[in-house]
Structures are given as C-alpha cells and as structure tokens.
Amino acid sequence: MGHIPDMNDADIARYTAQIEQMLQRLSKDNELGREGQAVVSLDQQSVGRLSRMDALQNQAMAKAQQHRRDQQRQRLLAALRRIDEEEFGYCIDCGTEIAAQRLDLDPTVFKCISCANG
C-alpha cells in the first residue's frame, strides 16, 4: 500500500506534527488530571458526608477522563505507526483511501466512512 497519491511529504509532516501536538496536550492534561484522581480522605472530622460524596464523584469523573485520554493516546500512537508503515490514510478494513477532509478533522481515523458506518 503506500501513501495516498494526493498526499505528499508536506502533508505527512503536517499530520505527524498535528498528532505529536495532540500527544503533548494529552501529556499536559494528564499532569493536571492527577490531582483529581488522588485518594479521597474519609476523615469525618475534616470533611462532611456530602463533601466526601462530592469528592468521590469528582474522583470517579477524573478517572473516566483519564481513561478517555489513555484511549486517545493509543489512537494517536497507532496513527504514528501507520505513518511509519506507510499505511496512513488507508482504511484498515477495505484498503480504500480515507478522505483527506476526514483525516484533517481527526488524524486518528483508520476506517473510510463506508466501513466506519458499518
């Protein structure tokens, strides 16, 4: 397979830079999210019952956000691998080219619109 015929080295460099920037933002978000995932103190003298429940809910939301960031990181790394293997821009199911507009919106897509829609 190789790169999409319409995709030149500048396009590949642009997608690579975009993906790497997204990875950097995820790393920064991970640093900010660590505090929200900290163990919730159950000391009833310092925190009321409703405050503890709120803290536990906030912790659960922070963990869910971390899970989504981890999944996005895996998709970004997979896109970089597809670039390295010269498979970027091709559907993993049918092998057809993925529309450039689709890749511009989300460079982590790995299926053409037909296969993505089932």
PDB file of N, CA and C in Angstrom:
ATOM      1  N   MET A   1       0.842  -1.174   0.000  1.00  0.00           N
ATOM      2  CA  MET A   1       0.000   0.000   0.000  1.00  0.00           C
ATOM      3  C   MET A   1       0.880   1.228   0.000  1.00  0.00           C
ATOM      4  N   GLY A   2       1.099   2.170   0.167  1.00  0.00           N
ATOM      5  CA  GLY A   2       1.872   3.376   0.249  1.00  0.00           C
ATOM      6  C   GLY A   2       0.970   4.515   0.629  1.00  0.00           C
ATOM      7  N   HIS A   3       1.553   5.690   0.590  1.00  0.00           N
ATOM      8  CA  HIS A   3       0.767   6.878   0.943  1.00  0.00           C
ATOM      9  C   HIS A   3      -0.305   7.167  -0.100  1.00  0.00           C
ATOM     10  N   ILE A   4      -1.320   7.873   0.273  1.00  0.00           N
ATOM     11  CA  ILE A   4      -2.348   8.309  -0.656  1.00  0.00           C
ATOM     12  C   ILE A   4      -1.657   9.109  -1.759  1.00  0.00           C
ATOM     13  N   PRO A   5      -1.994   8.853  -3.035  1.00  0.00           N
ATOM     14  CA  PRO A   5      -1.323   9.577  -4.111  1.00  0.00           C
ATOM     15  C   PRO A   5      -1.376  11.092  -3.957  1.00  0.00           C
ATOM     16  N   ASP A   6      -2.491  11.634  -3.451  1.00  0.00           N
ATOM     17  CA  ASP A   6      -2.607  13.080  -3.285  1.00  0.00           C
ATOM     18  C   ASP A   6      -1.799  13.604  -2.101  1.00  0.00           C
ATOM     19  N   MET A   7      -1.324  12.698  -1.246  1.00  0.00           N
ATOM     20  CA  MET A   7      -0.635  13.107  -0.027  1.00  0.00           C
ATOM     21  C   MET A   7       0.868  13.170  -0.294  1.00  0.00           C
ATOM     22  N   ASN A   8       1.442  14.349  -0.120  1.00  0.00           N
ATOM     23  CA  ASN A   8       2.879  14.497  -0.338  1.00  0.00           C
ATOM     24  C   ASN A   8       3.612  14.507   1.006  1.00  0.00           C
ATOM     25  N   ASP A   9       4.917  14.665   0.939  1.00  0.00           N
ATOM     26  CA  ASP A   9       5.718  14.658   2.166  1.00  0.00           C
ATOM     27  C   ASP A   9       5.315  15.772   3.126  1.00  0.00           C
ATOM     28  N   ALA A  10       4.918  16.926   2.577  1.00  0.00           N
ATOM     29  CA  ALA A  10       4.489  18.044   3.428  1.00  0.00           C
ATOM     30  C   ALA A  10       3.198  17.676   4.174  1.00  0.00           C
ATOM     31  N   ASP A  11       2.283  16.981   3.494  1.00  0.00           N
ATOM     32  CA  ASP A  11       1.048  16.539   4.150  1.00  0.00           C
ATOM     33  C   ASP A  11       1.361  15.572   5.284  1.00  0.00           C
ATOM     34  N   ILE A  12       2.234  14.616   5.003  1.00  0.00           N
ATOM     35  CA  ILE A  12       2.620  13.630   6.023  1.00  0.00           C
ATOM     36  C   ILE A  12       3.268  14.344   7.209  1.00  0.00           C
ATOM     37  N   ALA A  13       4.146  15.304   6.930  1.00  0.00           N
ATOM     38  CA  ALA A  13       4.797  16.065   8.007  1.00  0.00           C
ATOM     39  C   ALA A  13       3.764  16.836   8.811  1.00  0.00           C
ATOM     40  N   ARG A  14       2.758  17.405   8.118  1.00  0.00           N
ATOM     41  CA  ARG A  14       1.705  18.159   8.817  1.00  0.00           C
ATOM     42  C   ARG A  14       0.891  17.249   9.724  1.00  0.00           C
ATOM     43  N   TYR A  15       0.504  16.080   9.224  1.00  0.00           N
ATOM     44  CA  TYR A  15      -0.252  15.134  10.053  1.00  0.00           C
ATOM     45  C   TYR A  15       0.588  14.651  11.230  1.00  0.00           C
ATOM     46  N   THR A  16       1.864  14.377  10.980  1.00  0.00           N
ATOM     47  CA  THR A  16       2.748  13.933  12.060  1.00  0.00           C
ATOM     48  C   THR A  16       2.851  15.011  13.136  1.00  0.00           C
ATOM     49  N   ALA A  17       3.052  16.265  12.728  1.00  0.00           N
ATOM     50  CA  ALA A  17       3.145  17.368  13.686  1.00  0.00           C
ATOM     51  C   ALA A  17       1.840  17.536  14.455  1.00  0.00           C
ATOM     52  N   GLN A  18       0.718  17.412  13.755  1.00  0.00           N
ATOM     53  CA  GLN A  18      -0.589  17.539  14.410  1.00  0.00           C
ATOM     54  C   GLN A  18      -0.772  16.449  15.467  1.00  0.00           C
ATOM     55  N   ILE A  19      -0.410  15.239  15.124  1.00  0.00           N
ATOM     56  CA  ILE A  19      -0.545  14.119  16.064  1.00  0.00           C
ATOM     57  C   ILE A  19       0.376  14.320  17.258  1.00  0.00           C
ATOM     58  N   GLU A  20       1.608  14.744  16.999  1.00  0.00           N
ATOM     59  CA  GLU A  20       2.558  14.959  18.102  1.00  0.00           C
ATOM     60  C   GLU A  20       2.094  16.085  19.024  1.00  0.00           C
ATOM     61  N   GLN A  21       1.491  17.144  18.453  1.00  0.00           N
ATOM     62  CA  GLN A  21       0.940  18.222  19.285  1.00  0.00           C
ATOM     63  C   GLN A  21      -0.204  17.703  20.151  1.00  0.00           C
ATOM     64  N   MET A  22      -1.032  16.855  19.574  1.00  0.00           N
ATOM     65  CA  MET A  22      -2.142  16.275  20.340  1.00  0.00           C
ATOM     66  C   MET A  22      -1.604  15.416  21.484  1.00  0.00           C
ATOM     67  N   LEU A  23      -0.530  14.674  21.235  1.00  0.00           N
ATOM     68  CA  LEU A  23       0.086  13.866  22.289  1.00  0.00           C
ATOM     69  C   LEU A  23       0.640  14.756  23.408  1.00  0.00           C
ATOM     70  N   GLN A  24       1.241  15.875  23.041  1.00  0.00           N
ATOM     71  CA  GLN A  24       1.767  16.802  24.048  1.00  0.00           C
ATOM     72  C   GLN A  24       0.647  17.380  24.904  1.00  0.00           C
ATOM     73  N   ARG A  25      -0.472  17.743  24.260  1.00  0.00           N
ATOM     74  CA  ARG A  25      -1.619  18.262  25.032  1.00  0.00           C
ATOM     75  C   ARG A  25      -2.147  17.209  25.988  1.00  0.00           C
ATOM     76  N   LEU A  26      -2.198  15.960  25.529  1.00  0.00           N
ATOM     77  CA  LEU A  26      -2.658  14.877  26.410  1.00  0.00           C
ATOM     78  C   LEU A  26      -1.734  14.727  27.610  1.00  0.00           C
ATOM     79  N   SER A  27      -0.434  14.828  27.391  1.00  0.00           N
ATOM     80  CA  SER A  27       0.516  14.724  28.499  1.00  0.00           C
ATOM     81  C   SER A  27       0.288  15.833  29.521  1.00  0.00           C
ATOM     82  N   LYS A  28       0.045  17.051  29.030  1.00  0.00           N
ATOM     83  CA  LYS A  28      -0.231  18.167  29.947  1.00  0.00           C
ATOM     84  C   LYS A  28      -1.539  17.928  30.697  1.00  0.00           C
ATOM     85  N   ASP A  29      -2.557  17.456  29.990  1.00  0.00           N
ATOM     86  CA  ASP A  29      -3.843  17.161  30.631  1.00  0.00           C
ATOM     87  C   ASP A  29      -3.687  16.057  31.676  1.00  0.00           C
ATOM     88  N   ASN A  30      -2.814  15.083  31.388  1.00  0.00           N
ATOM     89  CA  ASN A  30      -2.567  14.015  32.360  1.00  0.00           C
ATOM     90  C   ASN A  30      -1.987  14.578  33.651  1.00  0.00           C
ATOM     91  N   GLU A  31      -1.064  15.515  33.518  1.00  0.00           N
ATOM     92  CA  GLU A  31      -0.467  16.135  34.706  1.00  0.00           C
ATOM     93  C   GLU A  31      -1.531  16.857  35.527  1.00  0.00           C
ATOM     94  N   LEU A  32      -2.395  17.593  34.852  1.00  0.00           N
ATOM     95  CA  LEU A  32      -3.461  18.322  35.555  1.00  0.00           C
ATOM     96  C   LEU A  32      -4.475  17.362  36.172  1.00  0.00           C
ATOM     97  N   GLY A  33      -4.720  16.235  35.533  1.00  0.00           N
ATOM     98  CA  GLY A  33      -5.727  15.296  35.999  1.00  0.00           C
ATOM     99  C   GLY A  33      -5.298  14.432  37.176  1.00  0.00           C
ATOM    100  N   ARG A  34      -3.993  14.368  37.443  1.00  0.00           N
ATOM    101  CA  ARG A  34      -3.516  13.514  38.539  1.00  0.00           C
ATOM    102  C   ARG A  34      -4.100  13.939  39.896  1.00  0.00           C
ATOM    103  N   GLU A  35      -4.208  15.239  40.107  1.00  0.00           N
ATOM    104  CA  GLU A  35      -4.722  15.742  41.386  1.00  0.00           C
ATOM    105  C   GLU A  35      -6.162  15.290  41.616  1.00  0.00           C
ATOM    106  N   GLY A  36      -6.970  15.291  40.568  1.00  0.00           N
ATOM    107  CA  GLY A  36      -8.371  14.894  40.687  1.00  0.00           C
ATOM    108  C   GLY A  36      -8.567  13.427  40.973  1.00  0.00           C
ATOM    109  N   GLN A  37      -7.523  12.621  40.714  1.00  0.00           N
ATOM    110  CA  GLN A  37      -7.630  11.186  40.935  1.00  0.00           C
ATOM    111  C   GLN A  37      -7.063  10.755  42.291  1.00  0.00           C
ATOM    112  N   ALA A  38      -6.605  11.709  43.062  1.00  0.00           N
ATOM    113  CA  ALA A  38      -5.995  11.394  44.352  1.00  0.00           C
ATOM    114  C   ALA A  38      -6.996  10.691  45.268  1.00  0.00           C
ATOM    115  N   VAL A  39      -6.468   9.936  46.205  1.00  0.00           N
ATOM    116  CA  VAL A  39      -7.303   9.217  47.158  1.00  0.00           C
ATOM    117  C   VAL A  39      -8.112  10.214  47.974  1.00  0.00           C
ATOM    118  N   VAL A  40      -9.386   9.928  48.134  1.00  0.00           N
ATOM    119  CA  VAL A  40     -10.276  10.811  48.883  1.00  0.00           C
ATOM    120  C   VAL A  40     -10.155  10.491  50.366  1.00  0.00           C
ATOM    121  N   SER A  41      -9.944  11.529  51.152  1.00  0.00           N
ATOM    122  CA  SER A  41      -9.846  11.365  52.597  1.00  0.00           C
ATOM    123  C   SER A  41     -11.212  11.041  53.186  1.00  0.00           C
ATOM    124  N   LEU A  42     -11.273  10.065  54.059  1.00  0.00           N
ATOM    125  CA  LEU A  42     -12.537   9.681  54.682  1.00  0.00           C
ATOM    126  C   LEU A  42     -12.627  10.133  56.137  1.00  0.00           C
ATOM    127  N   ASP A  43     -11.808  11.100  56.507  1.00  0.00           N
ATOM    128  CA  ASP A  43     -11.812  11.630  57.871  1.00  0.00           C
ATOM    129  C   ASP A  43     -13.082  12.453  58.070  1.00  0.00           C
ATOM    130  N   GLN A  44     -14.018  11.924  58.843  1.00  0.00           N
ATOM    131  CA  GLN A  44     -15.305  12.585  59.029  1.00  0.00           C
ATOM    132  C   GLN A  44     -15.188  13.890  59.809  1.00  0.00           C
ATOM    133  N   GLN A  45     -14.132  14.057  60.553  1.00  0.00           N
ATOM    134  CA  GLN A  45     -13.958  15.295  61.302  1.00  0.00           C
ATOM    135  C   GLN A  45     -13.623  16.460  60.376  1.00  0.00           C
ATOM    136  N   SER A  46     -12.879  16.177  59.283  1.00  0.00           N
ATOM    137  CA  SER A  46     -12.445  17.277  58.420  1.00  0.00           C
ATOM    138  C   SER A  46     -13.357  17.483  57.208  1.00  0.00           C
ATOM    139  N   VAL A  47     -14.120  16.475  56.837  1.00  0.00           N
ATOM    140  CA  VAL A  47     -14.967  16.574  55.652  1.00  0.00           C
ATOM    141  C   VAL A  47     -16.339  15.999  55.980  1.00  0.00           C
ATOM    142  N   GLY A  48     -17.370  16.734  55.634  1.00  0.00           N
ATOM    143  CA  GLY A  48     -18.723  16.245  55.864  1.00  0.00           C
ATOM    144  C   GLY A  48     -19.100  15.150  54.873  1.00  0.00           C
ATOM    145  N   ARG A  49     -20.198  14.458  55.170  1.00  0.00           N
ATOM    146  CA  ARG A  49     -20.634  13.332  54.350  1.00  0.00           C
ATOM    147  C   ARG A  49     -20.912  13.746  52.907  1.00  0.00           C
ATOM    148  N   LEU A  50     -21.616  14.854  52.698  1.00  0.00           N
ATOM    149  CA  LEU A  50     -21.913  15.307  51.347  1.00  0.00           C
ATOM    150  C   LEU A  50     -20.650  15.755  50.614  1.00  0.00           C
ATOM    151  N   SER A  51     -19.736  16.376  51.333  1.00  0.00           N
ATOM    152  CA  SER A  51     -18.473  16.788  50.725  1.00  0.00           C
ATOM    153  C   SER A  51     -17.667  15.576  50.284  1.00  0.00           C
ATOM    154  N   ARG A  52     -17.691  14.505  51.090  1.00  0.00           N
ATOM    155  CA  ARG A  52     -16.980  13.271  50.726  1.00  0.00           C
ATOM    156  C   ARG A  52     -17.604  12.652  49.486  1.00  0.00           C
ATOM    157  N   MET A  53     -18.958  12.643  49.453  1.00  0.00           N
ATOM    158  CA  MET A  53     -19.644  12.078  48.292  1.00  0.00           C
ATOM    159  C   MET A  53     -19.301  12.881  47.031  1.00  0.00           C
ATOM    160  N   ASP A  54     -19.258  14.188  47.168  1.00  0.00           N
ATOM    161  CA  ASP A  54     -18.897  15.040  46.044  1.00  0.00           C
ATOM    162  C   ASP A  54     -17.456  14.770  45.608  1.00  0.00           C
ATOM    163  N   ALA A  55     -16.578  14.620  46.576  1.00  0.00           N
ATOM    164  CA  ALA A  55     -15.172  14.340  46.275  1.00  0.00           C
ATOM    165  C   ALA A  55     -15.026  12.990  45.577  1.00  0.00           C
ATOM    166  N   LEU A  56     -15.783  11.984  46.020  1.00  0.00           N
ATOM    167  CA  LEU A  56     -15.734  10.666  45.382  1.00  0.00           C
ATOM    168  C   LEU A  56     -16.266  10.732  43.951  1.00  0.00           C
ATOM    169  N   GLN A  57     -17.322  11.506  43.753  1.00  0.00           N
ATOM    170  CA  GLN A  57     -17.868  11.664  42.406  1.00  0.00           C
ATOM    171  C   GLN A  57     -16.864  12.376  41.494  1.00  0.00           C
ATOM    172  N   ASN A  58     -16.228  13.418  42.016  1.00  0.00           N
ATOM    173  CA  ASN A  58     -15.212  14.130  41.244  1.00  0.00           C
ATOM    174  C   ASN A  58     -14.044  13.211  40.898  1.00  0.00           C
ATOM    175  N   GLN A  59     -13.666  12.361  41.846  1.00  0.00           N
ATOM    176  CA  GLN A  59     -12.587  11.414  41.600  1.00  0.00           C
ATOM    177  C   GLN A  59     -12.980  10.429  40.496  1.00  0.00           C
ATOM    178  N   ALA A  60     -14.204   9.934  40.536  1.00  0.00           N
ATOM    179  CA  ALA A  60     -14.671   8.995  39.510  1.00  0.00           C
ATOM    180  C   ALA A  60     -14.676   9.663  38.130  1.00  0.00           C
ATOM    181  N   MET A  61     -15.095  10.914  38.077  1.00  0.00           N
ATOM    182  CA  MET A  61     -15.085  11.633  36.795  1.00  0.00           C
ATOM    183  C   MET A  61     -13.653  11.848  36.299  1.00  0.00           C
ATOM    184  N   ALA A  62     -12.733  12.147  37.209  1.00  0.00           N
ATOM    185  CA  ALA A  62     -11.335  12.340  36.826  1.00  0.00           C
ATOM    186  C   ALA A  62     -10.748  11.040  36.284  1.00  0.00           C
ATOM    187  N   LYS A  63     -11.114   9.921  36.892  1.00  0.00           N
ATOM    188  CA  LYS A  63     -10.621   8.625  36.403  1.00  0.00           C
ATOM    189  C   LYS A  63     -11.208   8.308  35.026  1.00  0.00           C
ATOM    190  N   ALA A  64     -12.466   8.641  34.806  1.00  0.00           N
ATOM    191  CA  ALA A  64     -13.090   8.408  33.499  1.00  0.00           C
ATOM    192  C   ALA A  64     -12.416   9.273  32.433  1.00  0.00           C
ATOM    193  N   GLN A  65     -12.102  10.512  32.786  1.00  0.00           N
ATOM    194  CA  GLN A  65     -11.401  11.385  31.842  1.00  0.00           C
ATOM    195  C   GLN A  65     -10.017  10.824  31.530  1.00  0.00           C
ATOM    196  N   GLN A  66      -9.353  10.285  32.539  1.00  0.00           N
ATOM    197  CA  GLN A  66      -8.031   9.693  32.322  1.00  0.00           C
ATOM    198  C   GLN A  66      -8.145   8.506  31.372  1.00  0.00           C
ATOM    199  N   HIS A  67      -9.177   7.703  31.549  1.00  0.00           N
ATOM    200  CA  HIS A  67      -9.386   6.551  30.667  1.00  0.00           C
ATOM    201  C   HIS A  67      -9.564   7.017  29.213  1.00  0.00           C
ATOM    202  N   ARG A  68     -10.349   8.078  29.014  1.00  0.00           N
ATOM    203  CA  ARG A  68     -10.547   8.613  27.663  1.00  0.00           C
ATOM    204  C   ARG A  68      -9.232   9.153  27.098  1.00  0.00           C
ATOM    205  N   ARG A  69      -8.430   9.820  27.932  1.00  0.00           N
ATOM    206  CA  ARG A  69      -7.125  10.319  27.469  1.00  0.00           C
ATOM    207  C   ARG A  69      -6.210   9.160  27.096  1.00  0.00           C
ATOM    208  N   ASP A  70      -6.237   8.089  27.882  1.00  0.00           N
ATOM    209  CA  ASP A  70      -5.410   6.915  27.571  1.00  0.00           C
ATOM    210  C   ASP A  70      -5.820   6.295  26.229  1.00  0.00           C
ATOM    211  N   GLN A  71      -7.125   6.211  25.990  1.00  0.00           N
ATOM    212  CA  GLN A  71      -7.606   5.665  24.717  1.00  0.00           C
ATOM    213  C   GLN A  71      -7.182   6.559  23.553  1.00  0.00           C
ATOM    214  N   GLN A  72      -7.309   7.868  23.735  1.00  0.00           N
ATOM    215  CA  GLN A  72      -6.907   8.802  22.681  1.00  0.00           C
ATOM    216  C   GLN A  72      -5.411   8.687  22.417  1.00  0.00           C
ATOM    217  N   ARG A  73      -4.624   8.534  23.459  1.00  0.00           N
ATOM    218  CA  ARG A  73      -3.170   8.383  23.296  1.00  0.00           C
ATOM    219  C   ARG A  73      -2.865   7.145  22.461  1.00  0.00           C
ATOM    220  N   GLN A  74      -3.547   6.050  22.735  1.00  0.00           N
ATOM    221  CA  GLN A  74      -3.338   4.823  21.959  1.00  0.00           C
ATOM    222  C   GLN A  74      -3.706   5.030  20.484  1.00  0.00           C
ATOM    223  N   ARG A  75      -4.798   5.756  20.223  1.00  0.00           N
ATOM    224  CA  ARG A  75      -5.191   6.037  18.838  1.00  0.00           C
ATOM    225  C   ARG A  75      -4.139   6.906  18.133  1.00  0.00           C
ATOM    226  N   LEU A  76      -3.603   7.887  18.864  1.00  0.00           N
ATOM    227  CA  LEU A  76      -2.579   8.759  18.281  1.00  0.00           C
ATOM    228  C   LEU A  76      -1.297   7.984  17.975  1.00  0.00           C
ATOM    229  N   LEU A  77      -0.887   7.131  18.895  1.00  0.00           N
ATOM    230  CA  LEU A  77       0.314   6.320  18.665  1.00  0.00           C
ATOM    231  C   LEU A  77       0.106   5.355  17.502  1.00  0.00           C
ATOM    232  N   ALA A  78      -1.102   4.814  17.378  1.00  0.00           N
ATOM    233  CA  ALA A  78      -1.411   3.927  16.252  1.00  0.00           C
ATOM    234  C   ALA A  78      -1.335   4.692  14.928  1.00  0.00           C
ATOM    235  N   ALA A  79      -1.793   5.945  14.921  1.00  0.00           N
ATOM    236  CA  ALA A  79      -1.713   6.762  13.705  1.00  0.00           C
ATOM    237  C   ALA A  79      -0.257   7.008  13.319  1.00  0.00           C
ATOM    238  N   LEU A  80       0.593   7.270  14.312  1.00  0.00           N
ATOM    239  CA  LEU A  80       2.022   7.449  14.016  1.00  0.00           C
ATOM    240  C   LEU A  80       2.628   6.169  13.453  1.00  0.00           C
ATOM    241  N   ARG A  81       2.219   5.019  13.990  1.00  0.00           N
ATOM    242  CA  ARG A  81       2.717   3.741  13.456  1.00  0.00           C
ATOM    243  C   ARG A  81       2.263   3.559  12.002  1.00  0.00           C
ATOM    244  N   ARG A  82       1.002   3.926  11.720  1.00  0.00           N
ATOM    245  CA  ARG A  82       0.516   3.803  10.345  1.00  0.00           C
ATOM    246  C   ARG A  82       1.297   4.721   9.411  1.00  0.00           C
ATOM    247  N   ILE A  83       1.686   5.891   9.897  1.00  0.00           N
ATOM    248  CA  ILE A  83       2.525   6.790   9.083  1.00  0.00           C
ATOM    249  C   ILE A  83       3.867   6.126   8.817  1.00  0.00           C
ATOM    250  N   ASP A  84       4.494   5.597   9.863  1.00  0.00           N
ATOM    251  CA  ASP A  84       5.801   4.930   9.708  1.00  0.00           C
ATOM    252  C   ASP A  84       5.729   3.745   8.752  1.00  0.00           C
ATOM    253  N   GLU A  85       4.624   3.025   8.784  1.00  0.00           N
ATOM    254  CA  GLU A  85       4.455   1.833   7.943  1.00  0.00           C
ATOM    255  C   GLU A  85       3.870   2.155   6.570  1.00  0.00           C
ATOM    256  N   GLU A  86       3.702   3.453   6.294  1.00  0.00           N
ATOM    257  CA  GLU A  86       3.128   3.936   5.038  1.00  0.00           C
ATOM    258  C   GLU A  86       1.730   3.367   4.783  1.00  0.00           C
ATOM    259  N   GLU A  87       0.969   3.207   5.854  1.00  0.00           N
ATOM    260  CA  GLU A  87      -0.413   2.733   5.768  1.00  0.00           C
ATOM    261  C   GLU A  87      -1.393   3.845   6.138  1.00  0.00           C
ATOM    262  N   PHE A  88      -0.862   4.987   6.533  1.00  0.00           N
ATOM    263  CA  PHE A  88      -1.701   6.101   6.961  1.00  0.00           C
ATOM    264  C   PHE A  88      -2.560   6.581   5.801  1.00  0.00           C
ATOM    265  N   GLY A  89      -3.835   6.797   6.073  1.00  0.00           N
ATOM    266  CA  GLY A  89      -4.737   7.298   5.051  1.00  0.00           C
ATOM    267  C   GLY A  89      -5.491   6.222   4.304  1.00  0.00           C
ATOM    268  N   TYR A  90      -5.236   4.966   4.660  1.00  0.00           N
ATOM    269  CA  TYR A  90      -5.948   3.851   4.048  1.00  0.00           C
ATOM    270  C   TYR A  90      -6.799   3.147   5.091  1.00  0.00           C
ATOM    271  N   CYS A  91      -7.980   2.746   4.705  1.00  0.00           N
ATOM    272  CA  CYS A  91      -8.904   2.024   5.578  1.00  0.00           C
ATOM    273  C   CYS A  91      -8.308   0.667   5.944  1.00  0.00           C
ATOM    274  N   ILE A  92      -8.345   0.327   7.226  1.00  0.00           N
ATOM    275  CA  ILE A  92      -7.796  -0.961   7.656  1.00  0.00           C
ATOM    276  C   ILE A  92      -8.700  -2.129   7.276  1.00  0.00           C
ATOM    277  N   ASP A  93      -9.964  -1.844   6.947  1.00  0.00           N
ATOM    278  CA  ASP A  93     -10.884  -2.910   6.565  1.00  0.00           C
ATOM    279  C   ASP A  93     -10.849  -3.201   5.070  1.00  0.00           C
ATOM    280  N   CYS A  94     -11.047  -2.168   4.266  1.00  0.00           N
ATOM    281  CA  CYS A  94     -11.192  -2.391   2.824  1.00  0.00           C
ATOM    282  C   CYS A  94     -10.001  -1.906   2.006  1.00  0.00           C
ATOM    283  N   GLY A  95      -9.114  -1.130   2.612  1.00  0.00           N
ATOM    284  CA  GLY A  95      -7.920  -0.665   1.910  1.00  0.00           C
ATOM    285  C   GLY A  95      -8.114   0.564   1.046  1.00  0.00           C
ATOM    286  N   THR A  96      -9.323   1.105   0.995  1.00  0.00           N
ATOM    287  CA  THR A  96      -9.534   2.306   0.180  1.00  0.00           C
ATOM    288  C   THR A  96      -8.981   3.529   0.907  1.00  0.00           C
ATOM    289  N   GLU A  97      -8.810   4.579   0.138  1.00  0.00           N
ATOM    290  CA  GLU A  97      -8.284   5.821   0.697  1.00  0.00           C
ATOM    291  C   GLU A  97      -9.320   6.471   1.615  1.00  0.00           C
ATOM    292  N   ILE A  98      -8.839   7.013   2.704  1.00  0.00           N
ATOM    293  CA  ILE A  98      -9.691   7.790   3.617  1.00  0.00           C
ATOM    294  C   ILE A  98      -9.642   9.236   3.128  1.00  0.00           C
ATOM    295  N   ALA A  99     -10.788   9.864   3.046  1.00  0.00           N
ATOM    296  CA  ALA A  99     -10.856  11.242   2.550  1.00  0.00           C
ATOM    297  C   ALA A  99      -9.970  12.169   3.384  1.00  0.00           C
ATOM    298  N   ALA A 100      -9.255  13.044   2.688  1.00  0.00           N
ATOM    299  CA  ALA A 100      -8.356  13.986   3.367  1.00  0.00           C
ATOM    300  C   ALA A 100      -9.113  14.850   4.366  1.00  0.00           C
ATOM    301  N   GLN A 101     -10.345  15.242   4.025  1.00  0.00           N
ATOM    302  CA  GLN A 101     -11.135  16.070   4.946  1.00  0.00           C
ATOM    303  C   GLN A 101     -11.396  15.315   6.248  1.00  0.00           C
ATOM    304  N   ARG A 102     -11.602  14.023   6.146  1.00  0.00           N
ATOM    305  CA  ARG A 102     -11.831  13.187   7.342  1.00  0.00           C
ATOM    306  C   ARG A 102     -10.571  13.133   8.195  1.00  0.00           C
ATOM    307  N   LEU A 103      -9.425  12.964   7.542  1.00  0.00           N
ATOM    308  CA  LEU A 103      -8.153  12.933   8.272  1.00  0.00           C
ATOM    309  C   LEU A 103      -7.829  14.298   8.875  1.00  0.00           C
ATOM    310  N   ASP A 104      -8.217  15.370   8.175  1.00  0.00           N
ATOM    311  CA  ASP A 104      -7.977  16.719   8.711  1.00  0.00           C
ATOM    312  C   ASP A 104      -8.749  16.926  10.011  1.00  0.00           C
ATOM    313  N   LEU A 105      -9.962  16.405  10.057  1.00  0.00           N
ATOM    314  CA  LEU A 105     -10.779  16.538  11.273  1.00  0.00           C
ATOM    315  C   LEU A 105     -10.251  15.671  12.406  1.00  0.00           C
ATOM    316  N   ASP A 106      -9.799  14.474  12.065  1.00  0.00           N
ATOM    317  CA  ASP A 106      -9.302  13.543  13.077  1.00  0.00           C
ATOM    318  C   ASP A 106      -8.261  12.626  12.444  1.00  0.00           C
ATOM    319  N   PRO A 107      -6.975  12.927  12.644  1.00  0.00           N
ATOM    320  CA  PRO A 107      -5.929  12.120  12.011  1.00  0.00           C
ATOM    321  C   PRO A 107      -5.811  10.706  12.595  1.00  0.00           C
ATOM    322  N   THR A 108      -6.610  10.396  13.599  1.00  0.00           N
ATOM    323  CA  THR A 108      -6.544   9.049  14.182  1.00  0.00           C
ATOM    324  C   THR A 108      -7.519   8.078  13.533  1.00  0.00           C
ATOM    325  N   VAL A 109      -8.369   8.568  12.593  1.00  0.00           N
ATOM    326  CA  VAL A 109      -9.324   7.657  11.967  1.00  0.00           C
ATOM    327  C   VAL A 109      -8.569   6.614  11.161  1.00  0.00           C
ATOM    328  N   PHE A 110      -9.089   5.404  11.180  1.00  0.00           N
ATOM    329  CA  PHE A 110      -8.406   4.317  10.489  1.00  0.00           C
ATOM    330  C   PHE A 110      -9.363   3.541   9.581  1.00  0.00           C
ATOM    331  N   LYS A 111     -10.562   4.083   9.418  1.00  0.00           N
ATOM    332  CA  LYS A 111     -11.526   3.465   8.517  1.00  0.00           C
ATOM    333  C   LYS A 111     -12.128   4.525   7.611  1.00  0.00           C
ATOM    334  N   CYS A 112     -12.441   4.120   6.395  1.00  0.00           N
ATOM    335  CA  CYS A 112     -13.146   5.020   5.496  1.00  0.00           C
ATOM    336  C   CYS A 112     -14.562   5.206   6.038  1.00  0.00           C
ATOM    337  N   ILE A 113     -15.267   6.166   5.515  1.00  0.00           N
ATOM    338  CA  ILE A 113     -16.609   6.474   6.027  1.00  0.00           C
ATOM    339  C   ILE A 113     -17.547   5.298   5.828  1.00  0.00           C
ATOM    340  N   SER A 114     -17.419   4.573   4.715  1.00  0.00           N
ATOM    341  CA  SER A 114     -18.295   3.429   4.458  1.00  0.00           C
ATOM    342  C   SER A 114     -18.114   2.342   5.500  1.00  0.00           C
ATOM    343  N   CYS A 115     -16.869   1.994   5.793  1.00  0.00           N
ATOM    344  CA  CYS A 115     -16.593   0.934   6.780  1.00  0.00           C
ATOM    345  C   CYS A 115     -16.926   1.409   8.201  1.00  0.00           C
ATOM    346  N   ALA A 116     -16.683   2.692   8.474  1.00  0.00           N
ATOM    347  CA  ALA A 116     -16.994   3.230   9.807  1.00  0.00           C
ATOM    348  C   ALA A 116     -18.488   3.194  10.073  1.00  0.00           C
ATOM    349  N   ASN A 117     -19.286   3.374   9.036  1.00  0.00           N
ATOM    350  CA  ASN A 117     -20.745   3.351   9.197  1.00  0.00           C
ATOM    351  C   ASN A 117     -21.309   1.937   9.208  1.00  0.00           C
ATOM    352  N   GLY A 118     -20.440   0.969   8.997  1.00  0.00           N
ATOM    353  CA  GLY A 118     -20.894  -0.421   9.100  1.00  0.00           C
ATOM    354  C   GLY A 118     -21.350  -0.943   7.791  1.00  0.00           C
TER     355      GLY A 118
END
